Amino acid sequence: MALHIGAHVDQEDPIAEAKARGASLSQLFLGDPQSYKGPVIRYAGGAQALKADAAAAGVDLYVHAPYPINVASLNNRIRIPGRKLLQQHLSAAAEIGAKGVIVHGGHLGVDEDAAKGFDNWRKCIDGLDLPVPLLIENTAGGDNAMARRLEAIARLWDAIGTASGSDQVGFCLDTCHAHAGGNDLGSVVDEVRAITGRIDLVHANDSRDEFDSGADRHTNFGSGHIDGEALAGVIRAAGAPVVCETPGGLEGQAADIAWLREHAG
């Protein structure tokens, strides 16, 4: 089976972006990734046209939620707007026919009670309408992160498992985040799957920084600290669709996609 792969692209025309990269999927932001403002569909013709045109072209769409969302937070002024924004993006993703919405696991302050953060995730899932799958992504840094280390991911999944709608919650494994977060790429797929039962999407990225650095800095394959065979091994073991979030625009991402097709396809 051919590798189902694409890249994170500008949202104006994710179908054309996929075709230019020789890809079969595109990941995009809907609006400003650094803002609490609601989603905006910039595709000509709007959401329904994007849904129809992507289906006709055989291009799957994934939506990445804005970075400020932190539904684990103990601060109401962060958590509550984040929940609202996440719901807006889930609804907008459904309108464009997206296969899922990716959101970071979030974090608490160093001295805050992690158990409260995991329970806030349970409350969030309980309160969301999930017209498309919500894929929680592992993160690279933070000692009190909800999805950096395997023990935290296990606690997060235990909490989410008691929420209604938990069957619509999946996992997005980021290779740069796993490496920088201190997780062995040789075993992380099996370890995550043992916890979550699933890996729905892989973010394939090399890491500019060393193992367990806690730094979330992506780079192109072969120019960072992740062994190429280890990265390709993650893709093969996960057996999930793949998004390259690497730099270099069209040229850099097309080269990375071609490399993965050769080494992990």
C-alpha atoms as a PDB file:
ATOM      1  CA  MET A   1       0.000   0.000   0.000  1.00  0.00           C
ATOM      2  CA  ALA A   2       1.369   3.422  -0.980  1.00  0.00           C
ATOM      3  CA  LEU A   3       2.306   5.787   1.826  1.00  0.00           C
ATOM      4  CA  HIS A   4      -0.542   8.221   2.563  1.00  0.00           C
ATOM      5  CA  ILE A   5       1.487  11.372   3.062  1.00  0.00           C
ATOM      6  CA  GLY A   6       1.416  15.135   2.769  1.00  0.00           C
ATOM      7  CA  ALA A   7       2.547  18.309   4.493  1.00  0.00           C
ATOM      8  CA  HIS A   8       1.383  21.250   6.533  1.00  0.00           C
ATOM      9  CA  VAL A   9       0.495  23.908   3.950  1.00  0.00           C
ATOM     10  CA  ASP A  10      -1.094  27.328   3.564  1.00  0.00           C
ATOM     11  CA  GLN A  11      -4.869  27.099   3.700  1.00  0.00           C
ATOM     12  CA  GLU A  12      -5.736  29.159   0.594  1.00  0.00           C
ATOM     13  CA  ASP A  13      -5.621  26.067  -1.649  1.00  0.00           C
ATOM     14  CA  PRO A  14      -4.558  22.915   0.204  1.00  0.00           C
ATOM     15  CA  ILE A  15      -5.567  20.772  -2.779  1.00  0.00           C
ATOM     16  CA  ALA A  16      -3.138  22.494  -5.137  1.00  0.00           C
ATOM     17  CA  GLU A  17      -0.478  22.398  -2.409  1.00  0.00           C
ATOM     18  CA  ALA A  18      -0.884  18.625  -2.097  1.00  0.00           C
ATOM     19  CA  LYS A  19      -0.661  18.117  -5.852  1.00  0.00           C
ATOM     20  CA  ALA A  20       2.474  20.268  -6.064  1.00  0.00           C
ATOM     21  CA  ARG A  21       4.153  18.002  -3.499  1.00  0.00           C
ATOM     22  CA  GLY A  22       2.981  14.751  -5.072  1.00  0.00           C
ATOM     23  CA  ALA A  23       0.957  14.203  -1.897  1.00  0.00           C
ATOM     24  CA  SER A  24      -2.400  12.709  -1.013  1.00  0.00           C
ATOM     25  CA  LEU A  25      -3.230  14.836   2.040  1.00  0.00           C
ATOM     26  CA  SER A  26      -2.772  18.335   3.437  1.00  0.00           C
ATOM     27  CA  GLN A  27      -2.772  19.699   6.971  1.00  0.00           C
ATOM     28  CA  LEU A  28      -3.735  23.333   7.470  1.00  0.00           C
ATOM     29  CA  PHE A  29      -4.636  25.993   9.980  1.00  0.00           C
ATOM     30  CA  LEU A  30      -8.034  27.636   9.743  1.00  0.00           C
ATOM     31  CA  GLY A  31      -7.154  31.187  10.651  1.00  0.00           C
ATOM     32  CA  ASP A  32      -4.333  32.574  12.805  1.00  0.00           C
ATOM     33  CA  PRO A  33      -2.474  29.768  14.654  1.00  0.00           C
ATOM     34  CA  GLN A  34      -1.357  32.170  17.391  1.00  0.00           C
ATOM     35  CA  SER A  35      -4.773  33.724  18.055  1.00  0.00           C
ATOM     36  CA  TYR A  36      -7.981  33.013  19.971  1.00  0.00           C
ATOM     37  CA  LYS A  37      -9.964  34.324  17.000  1.00  0.00           C
ATOM     38  CA  GLY A  38     -12.305  31.794  15.441  1.00  0.00           C
ATOM     39  CA  PRO A  39     -11.648  29.774  12.283  1.00  0.00           C
ATOM     40  CA  VAL A  40     -11.689  31.381   8.850  1.00  0.00           C
ATOM     41  CA  ILE A  41     -12.111  29.469   5.572  1.00  0.00           C
ATOM     42  CA  ARG A  42     -10.023  31.182   2.883  1.00  0.00           C
ATOM     43  CA  TYR A  43     -10.590  28.679   0.082  1.00  0.00           C
ATOM     44  CA  ALA A  44     -12.379  30.162  -2.931  1.00  0.00           C
ATOM     45  CA  GLY A  45     -16.013  29.104  -2.719  1.00  0.00           C
ATOM     46  CA  GLY A  46     -15.894  28.472   1.014  1.00  0.00           C
ATOM     47  CA  ALA A  47     -16.188  25.351   3.131  1.00  0.00           C
ATOM     48  CA  GLN A  48     -18.551  23.345   0.942  1.00  0.00           C
ATOM     49  CA  ALA A  49     -16.451  23.960  -2.172  1.00  0.00           C
ATOM     50  CA  LEU A  50     -13.303  22.871  -0.340  1.00  0.00           C
ATOM     51  CA  LYS A  51     -15.014  19.719   0.889  1.00  0.00           C
ATOM     52  CA  ALA A  52     -16.287  18.811  -2.575  1.00  0.00           C
ATOM     53  CA  ASP A  53     -13.088  19.699  -4.422  1.00  0.00           C
ATOM     54  CA  ALA A  54     -10.848  17.818  -1.968  1.00  0.00           C
ATOM     55  CA  ALA A  55     -13.025  14.716  -2.245  1.00  0.00           C
ATOM     56  CA  ALA A  56     -12.983  14.911  -6.033  1.00  0.00           C
ATOM     57  CA  ALA A  57      -9.187  15.278  -6.024  1.00  0.00           C
ATOM     58  CA  GLY A  58      -8.668  12.427  -3.549  1.00  0.00           C
ATOM     59  CA  VAL A  59      -6.923  14.736  -1.066  1.00  0.00           C
ATOM     60  CA  ASP A  60      -7.606  14.204   2.642  1.00  0.00           C
ATOM     61  CA  LEU A  61      -7.604  17.279   4.878  1.00  0.00           C
ATOM     62  CA  TYR A  62      -6.476  17.592   8.490  1.00  0.00           C
ATOM     63  CA  VAL A  63      -6.883  20.731  10.601  1.00  0.00           C
ATOM     64  CA  HIS A  64      -4.321  21.789  13.198  1.00  0.00           C
ATOM     65  CA  ALA A  65      -5.886  23.699  16.083  1.00  0.00           C
ATOM     66  CA  PRO A  66      -4.338  27.026  17.183  1.00  0.00           C
ATOM     67  CA  TYR A  67      -1.345  26.847  19.509  1.00  0.00           C
ATOM     68  CA  PRO A  68      -2.762  28.911  22.433  1.00  0.00           C
ATOM     69  CA  ILE A  69      -5.338  26.192  23.213  1.00  0.00           C
ATOM     70  CA  ASN A  70      -4.541  24.589  26.567  1.00  0.00           C
ATOM     71  CA  VAL A  71      -7.621  22.847  27.902  1.00  0.00           C
ATOM     72  CA  ALA A  72      -5.635  21.361  30.794  1.00  0.00           C
ATOM     73  CA  SER A  73      -4.896  24.782  32.270  1.00  0.00           C
ATOM     74  CA  LEU A  74      -6.044  25.619  35.791  1.00  0.00           C
ATOM     75  CA  ASN A  75      -6.488  29.249  34.688  1.00  0.00           C
ATOM     76  CA  ASN A  76     -10.112  29.863  33.646  1.00  0.00           C
ATOM     77  CA  ARG A  77      -9.049  32.686  31.329  1.00  0.00           C
ATOM     78  CA  ILE A  78      -6.957  30.196  29.336  1.00  0.00           C
ATOM     79  CA  ARG A  79      -8.953  26.974  29.685  1.00  0.00           C
ATOM     80  CA  ILE A  80     -12.479  28.229  28.928  1.00  0.00           C
ATOM     81  CA  PRO A  81     -11.628  30.288  25.794  1.00  0.00           C
ATOM     82  CA  GLY A  82      -9.484  27.369  24.655  1.00  0.00           C
ATOM     83  CA  ARG A  83     -12.394  24.938  24.900  1.00  0.00           C
ATOM     84  CA  LYS A  84     -14.627  27.315  22.967  1.00  0.00           C
ATOM     85  CA  LEU A  85     -12.001  27.798  20.264  1.00  0.00           C
ATOM     86  CA  LEU A  86     -11.395  24.057  19.996  1.00  0.00           C
ATOM     87  CA  GLN A  87     -15.118  23.445  19.487  1.00  0.00           C
ATOM     88  CA  GLN A  88     -15.216  26.089  16.770  1.00  0.00           C
ATOM     89  CA  HIS A  89     -12.364  24.389  14.930  1.00  0.00           C
ATOM     90  CA  LEU A  90     -13.948  20.954  15.257  1.00  0.00           C
ATOM     91  CA  SER A  91     -17.153  22.297  13.740  1.00  0.00           C
ATOM     92  CA  ALA A  92     -15.309  24.098  10.943  1.00  0.00           C
ATOM     93  CA  ALA A  93     -13.233  20.978  10.238  1.00  0.00           C
ATOM     94  CA  ALA A  94     -16.436  18.990   9.789  1.00  0.00           C
ATOM     95  CA  GLU A  95     -17.722  21.586   7.333  1.00  0.00           C
ATOM     96  CA  ILE A  96     -14.673  21.126   5.072  1.00  0.00           C
ATOM     97  CA  GLY A  97     -14.787  17.336   5.388  1.00  0.00           C
ATOM     98  CA  ALA A  98     -11.545  17.074   7.373  1.00  0.00           C
ATOM     99  CA  LYS A  99     -10.449  13.695   8.739  1.00  0.00           C
ATOM    100  CA  GLY A 100      -9.545  15.126  12.125  1.00  0.00           C
ATOM    101  CA  VAL A 101      -8.382  18.059  14.247  1.00  0.00           C
ATOM    102  CA  ILE A 102      -4.944  17.936  15.870  1.00  0.00           C
ATOM    103  CA  VAL A 103      -4.438  19.679  19.214  1.00  0.00           C
ATOM    104  CA  HIS A 104      -1.474  19.773  21.564  1.00  0.00           C
ATOM    105  CA  GLY A 105      -1.795  18.067  24.935  1.00  0.00           C
ATOM    106  CA  GLY A 106      -1.093  21.237  26.890  1.00  0.00           C
ATOM    107  CA  HIS A 107       0.659  21.741  30.204  1.00  0.00           C
ATOM    108  CA  LEU A 108       0.416  23.134  33.707  1.00  0.00           C
ATOM    109  CA  GLY A 109       2.771  25.282  35.744  1.00  0.00           C
ATOM    110  CA  VAL A 110       5.647  23.459  37.439  1.00  0.00           C
ATOM    111  CA  ASP A 111       4.046  23.532  40.899  1.00  0.00           C
ATOM    112  CA  GLU A 112       0.457  22.872  39.810  1.00  0.00           C
ATOM    113  CA  ASP A 113      -1.341  19.581  40.435  1.00  0.00           C
ATOM    114  CA  ALA A 114      -1.135  17.481  37.268  1.00  0.00           C
ATOM    115  CA  ALA A 115      -4.167  15.443  38.352  1.00  0.00           C
ATOM    116  CA  LYS A 116      -6.318  18.555  37.937  1.00  0.00           C
ATOM    117  CA  GLY A 117      -4.981  19.053  34.433  1.00  0.00           C
ATOM    118  CA  PHE A 118      -5.842  15.510  33.411  1.00  0.00           C
ATOM    119  CA  ASP A 119      -9.320  15.932  34.884  1.00  0.00           C
ATOM    120  CA  ASN A 120      -9.745  19.171  32.958  1.00  0.00           C
ATOM    121  CA  TRP A 121      -9.102  17.137  29.811  1.00  0.00           C
ATOM    122  CA  ARG A 122     -11.874  14.723  30.869  1.00  0.00           C
ATOM    123  CA  LYS A 123     -14.260  17.616  31.396  1.00  0.00           C
ATOM    124  CA  CYS A 124     -13.315  19.085  28.038  1.00  0.00           C
ATOM    125  CA  ILE A 125     -14.024  15.859  26.132  1.00  0.00           C
ATOM    126  CA  ASP A 126     -17.282  15.431  28.053  1.00  0.00           C
ATOM    127  CA  GLY A 127     -18.410  18.877  26.907  1.00  0.00           C
ATOM    128  CA  LEU A 128     -17.332  18.763  23.263  1.00  0.00           C
ATOM    129  CA  ASP A 129     -19.383  17.888  20.228  1.00  0.00           C
ATOM    130  CA  LEU A 130     -16.993  15.777  18.163  1.00  0.00           C
ATOM    131  CA  PRO A 131     -18.211  15.674  14.550  1.00  0.00           C
ATOM    132  CA  VAL A 132     -14.682  14.655  13.507  1.00  0.00           C
ATOM    133  CA  PRO A 133     -11.952  12.869  15.495  1.00  0.00           C
ATOM    134  CA  LEU A 134      -9.871  14.953  17.889  1.00  0.00           C
ATOM    135  CA  LEU A 135      -6.238  13.854  17.718  1.00  0.00           C
ATOM    136  CA  ILE A 136      -4.105  14.751  20.740  1.00  0.00           C
ATOM    137  CA  GLU A 137      -0.465  15.365  19.852  1.00  0.00           C
ATOM    138  CA  ASN A 138       2.510  14.588  22.064  1.00  0.00           C
ATOM    139  CA  THR A 139       4.639  17.617  22.924  1.00  0.00           C
ATOM    140  CA  ALA A 140       8.383  18.162  23.250  1.00  0.00           C
ATOM    141  CA  GLY A 141       8.844  20.260  26.361  1.00  0.00           C
ATOM    142  CA  GLY A 142       7.592  21.042  29.833  1.00  0.00           C
ATOM    143  CA  ASP A 143       8.105  19.041  33.009  1.00  0.00           C
ATOM    144  CA  ASN A 144       4.387  19.268  33.782  1.00  0.00           C
ATOM    145  CA  ALA A 145       3.162  18.581  30.243  1.00  0.00           C
ATOM    146  CA  MET A 146       0.084  16.440  29.695  1.00  0.00           C
ATOM    147  CA  ALA A 147       1.521  14.528  26.711  1.00  0.00           C
ATOM    148  CA  ARG A 148       5.314  14.680  26.738  1.00  0.00           C
ATOM    149  CA  ARG A 149       6.347  11.528  28.577  1.00  0.00           C
ATOM    150  CA  LEU A 150       4.710   8.123  28.350  1.00  0.00           C
ATOM    151  CA  GLU A 151       3.611   8.146  31.999  1.00  0.00           C
ATOM    152  CA  ALA A 152       1.732  11.407  31.411  1.00  0.00           C
ATOM    153  CA  ILE A 153       0.121  10.101  28.226  1.00  0.00           C
ATOM    154  CA  ALA A 154      -1.066   7.070  30.200  1.00  0.00           C
ATOM    155  CA  ARG A 155      -2.628   9.305  32.876  1.00  0.00           C
ATOM    156  CA  LEU A 156      -4.210  11.463  30.192  1.00  0.00           C
ATOM    157  CA  TRP A 157      -5.750   8.456  28.472  1.00  0.00           C
ATOM    158  CA  ASP A 158      -7.048   7.059  31.746  1.00  0.00           C
ATOM    159  CA  ALA A 159      -8.814  10.371  32.379  1.00  0.00           C
ATOM    160  CA  ILE A 160     -10.197  10.725  28.861  1.00  0.00           C
ATOM    161  CA  GLY A 161     -11.402   7.132  28.860  1.00  0.00           C
ATOM    162  CA  THR A 162     -14.096   7.987  31.391  1.00  0.00           C
ATOM    163  CA  ALA A 163     -15.532  10.802  29.231  1.00  0.00           C
ATOM    164  CA  SER A 164     -18.428  10.463  26.830  1.00  0.00           C
ATOM    165  CA  GLY A 165     -17.173  10.711  23.266  1.00  0.00           C
ATOM    166  CA  SER A 166     -13.768   9.247  24.113  1.00  0.00           C
ATOM    167  CA  ASP A 167     -14.050   6.887  21.129  1.00  0.00           C
ATOM    168  CA  GLN A 168     -13.659   9.993  18.935  1.00  0.00           C
ATOM    169  CA  VAL A 169     -10.341  10.912  20.579  1.00  0.00           C
ATOM    170  CA  GLY A 170      -7.220   9.646  18.853  1.00  0.00           C
ATOM    171  CA  PHE A 171      -3.467  10.199  18.950  1.00  0.00           C
ATOM    172  CA  CYS A 172      -1.032  12.103  16.730  1.00  0.00           C
ATOM    173  CA  LEU A 173       2.601  11.036  17.185  1.00  0.00           C
ATOM    174  CA  ASP A 174       5.185  13.704  16.375  1.00  0.00           C
ATOM    175  CA  THR A 175       8.682  12.281  15.828  1.00  0.00           C
ATOM    176  CA  CYS A 176      10.527  15.518  16.674  1.00  0.00           C
ATOM    177  CA  HIS A 177       8.473  15.957  19.839  1.00  0.00           C
ATOM    178  CA  ALA A 178       9.012  12.329  20.857  1.00  0.00           C
ATOM    179  CA  HIS A 179      12.780  12.586  20.358  1.00  0.00           C
ATOM    180  CA  ALA A 180      13.108  15.974  22.051  1.00  0.00           C
ATOM    181  CA  GLY A 181      10.700  14.846  24.769  1.00  0.00           C
ATOM    182  CA  GLY A 182      12.907  11.929  25.772  1.00  0.00           C
ATOM    183  CA  ASN A 183      11.069   9.013  24.147  1.00  0.00           C
ATOM    184  CA  ASP A 184      12.986   6.302  22.274  1.00  0.00           C
ATOM    185  CA  LEU A 185      11.839   6.268  18.649  1.00  0.00           C
ATOM    186  CA  GLY A 186      12.708   2.588  18.428  1.00  0.00           C
ATOM    187  CA  SER A 187       9.967   1.658  20.863  1.00  0.00           C
ATOM    188  CA  VAL A 188       7.646   4.655  21.059  1.00  0.00           C
ATOM    189  CA  VAL A 189       5.073   3.376  18.544  1.00  0.00           C
ATOM    190  CA  ASP A 190       4.496   0.153  20.480  1.00  0.00           C
ATOM    191  CA  GLU A 191       4.544   2.001  23.807  1.00  0.00           C
ATOM    192  CA  VAL A 192       2.023   4.647  22.702  1.00  0.00           C
ATOM    193  CA  ARG A 193      -0.224   2.061  21.093  1.00  0.00           C
ATOM    194  CA  ALA A 194      -0.158   0.001  24.307  1.00  0.00           C
ATOM    195  CA  ILE A 195      -1.483   3.087  26.128  1.00  0.00           C
ATOM    196  CA  THR A 196      -3.921   4.562  23.614  1.00  0.00           C
ATOM    197  CA  GLY A 197      -4.786   1.564  21.457  1.00  0.00           C
ATOM    198  CA  ARG A 198      -4.250   3.683  18.356  1.00  0.00           C
ATOM    199  CA  ILE A 199      -2.044   6.041  16.378  1.00  0.00           C
ATOM    200  CA  ASP A 200      -4.184   7.985  13.919  1.00  0.00           C
ATOM    201  CA  LEU A 201      -1.603  10.303  12.398  1.00  0.00           C
ATOM    202  CA  VAL A 202       2.170  10.804  12.391  1.00  0.00           C
ATOM    203  CA  HIS A 203       3.882  14.173  12.228  1.00  0.00           C
ATOM    204  CA  ALA A 204       7.195  13.231  10.590  1.00  0.00           C
ATOM    205  CA  ASN A 205       9.871  15.776  11.483  1.00  0.00           C
ATOM    206  CA  ASP A 206      13.594  15.702  12.154  1.00  0.00           C
ATOM    207  CA  SER A 207      14.803  17.531  15.267  1.00  0.00           C
ATOM    208  CA  ARG A 208      17.294  20.402  15.344  1.00  0.00           C
ATOM    209  CA  ASP A 209      18.056  19.514  18.949  1.00  0.00           C
ATOM    210  CA  GLU A 210      19.364  16.523  20.844  1.00  0.00           C
ATOM    211  CA  PHE A 211      17.444  13.729  22.567  1.00  0.00           C
ATOM    212  CA  ASP A 212      15.447  14.853  25.640  1.00  0.00           C
ATOM    213  CA  SER A 213      16.306  18.510  24.989  1.00  0.00           C
ATOM    214  CA  GLY A 214      12.681  19.599  25.425  1.00  0.00           C
ATOM    215  CA  ALA A 215      13.039  21.835  22.352  1.00  0.00           C
ATOM    216  CA  ASP A 216      10.311  21.859  19.690  1.00  0.00           C
ATOM    217  CA  ARG A 217      12.342  22.809  16.613  1.00  0.00           C
ATOM    218  CA  HIS A 218      11.675  20.887  13.403  1.00  0.00           C
ATOM    219  CA  THR A 219      14.124  20.439  10.564  1.00  0.00           C
ATOM    220  CA  ASN A 220      14.318  18.536   7.295  1.00  0.00           C
ATOM    221  CA  PHE A 221      15.217  14.871   7.225  1.00  0.00           C
ATOM    222  CA  GLY A 222      18.934  14.237   7.452  1.00  0.00           C
ATOM    223  CA  SER A 223      19.797  17.681   8.812  1.00  0.00           C
ATOM    224  CA  GLY A 224      18.916  17.077  12.463  1.00  0.00           C
ATOM    225  CA  HIS A 225      19.600  14.693  15.327  1.00  0.00           C
ATOM    226  CA  ILE A 226      17.153  11.875  14.466  1.00  0.00           C
ATOM    227  CA  ASP A 227      18.615   8.806  12.783  1.00  0.00           C
ATOM    228  CA  GLY A 228      17.010   8.346   9.372  1.00  0.00           C
ATOM    229  CA  GLU A 229      16.298   4.663   9.803  1.00  0.00           C
ATOM    230  CA  ALA A 230      14.707   5.308  13.208  1.00  0.00           C
ATOM    231  CA  LEU A 231      12.418   7.918  11.677  1.00  0.00           C
ATOM    232  CA  ALA A 232      11.465   5.667   8.778  1.00  0.00           C
ATOM    233  CA  GLY A 233      10.888   2.854  11.271  1.00  0.00           C
ATOM    234  CA  VAL A 234       8.316   4.954  13.127  1.00  0.00           C
ATOM    235  CA  ILE A 235       6.402   5.524   9.904  1.00  0.00           C
ATOM    236  CA  ARG A 236       6.417   1.846   9.014  1.00  0.00           C
ATOM    237  CA  ALA A 237       5.429   0.722  12.512  1.00  0.00           C
ATOM    238  CA  ALA A 238       2.649   3.280  12.939  1.00  0.00           C
ATOM    239  CA  GLY A 239       0.949   2.459   9.638  1.00  0.00           C
ATOM    240  CA  ALA A 240      -0.906   5.786   9.780  1.00  0.00           C
ATOM    241  CA  PRO A 241      -1.191   8.802   7.472  1.00  0.00           C
ATOM    242  CA  VAL A 242       1.861  11.079   7.609  1.00  0.00           C
ATOM    243  CA  VAL A 243       2.236  14.866   7.699  1.00  0.00           C
ATOM    244  CA  CYS A 244       5.615  16.534   7.175  1.00  0.00           C
ATOM    245  CA  GLU A 245       5.829  19.775   9.144  1.00  0.00           C
ATOM    246  CA  THR A 246       9.341  20.485   7.949  1.00  0.00           C
ATOM    247  CA  PRO A 247      10.715  23.835   6.734  1.00  0.00           C
ATOM    248  CA  GLY A 248      11.725  24.882   3.237  1.00  0.00           C
ATOM    249  CA  GLY A 249       8.289  25.398   1.731  1.00  0.00           C
ATOM    250  CA  LEU A 250       7.359  23.424  -1.363  1.00  0.00           C
ATOM    251  CA  GLU A 251      10.917  22.404  -2.237  1.00  0.00           C
ATOM    252  CA  GLY A 252      11.900  21.249   1.251  1.00  0.00           C
ATOM    253  CA  GLN A 253       8.675  19.390   1.932  1.00  0.00           C
ATOM    254  CA  ALA A 254       8.566  17.739  -1.498  1.00  0.00           C
ATOM    255  CA  ALA A 255      12.087  16.424  -0.897  1.00  0.00           C
ATOM    256  CA  ASP A 256      11.106  15.109   2.539  1.00  0.00           C
ATOM    257  CA  ILE A 257       7.989  13.426   1.161  1.00  0.00           C
ATOM    258  CA  ALA A 258      10.054  11.793  -1.591  1.00  0.00           C
ATOM    259  CA  TRP A 259      12.618  10.634   0.992  1.00  0.00           C
ATOM    260  CA  LEU A 260       9.913   9.016   3.122  1.00  0.00           C
ATOM    261  CA  ARG A 261       8.320   7.319   0.129  1.00  0.00           C
ATOM    262  CA  GLU A 262      11.707   5.808  -0.672  1.00  0.00           C
ATOM    263  CA  HIS A 263      12.698   4.783   2.842  1.00  0.00           C
ATOM    264  CA  ALA A 264       9.409   4.077   4.620  1.00  0.00           C
ATOM    265  CA  GLY A 265       6.916   3.327   1.875  1.00  0.00           C
END
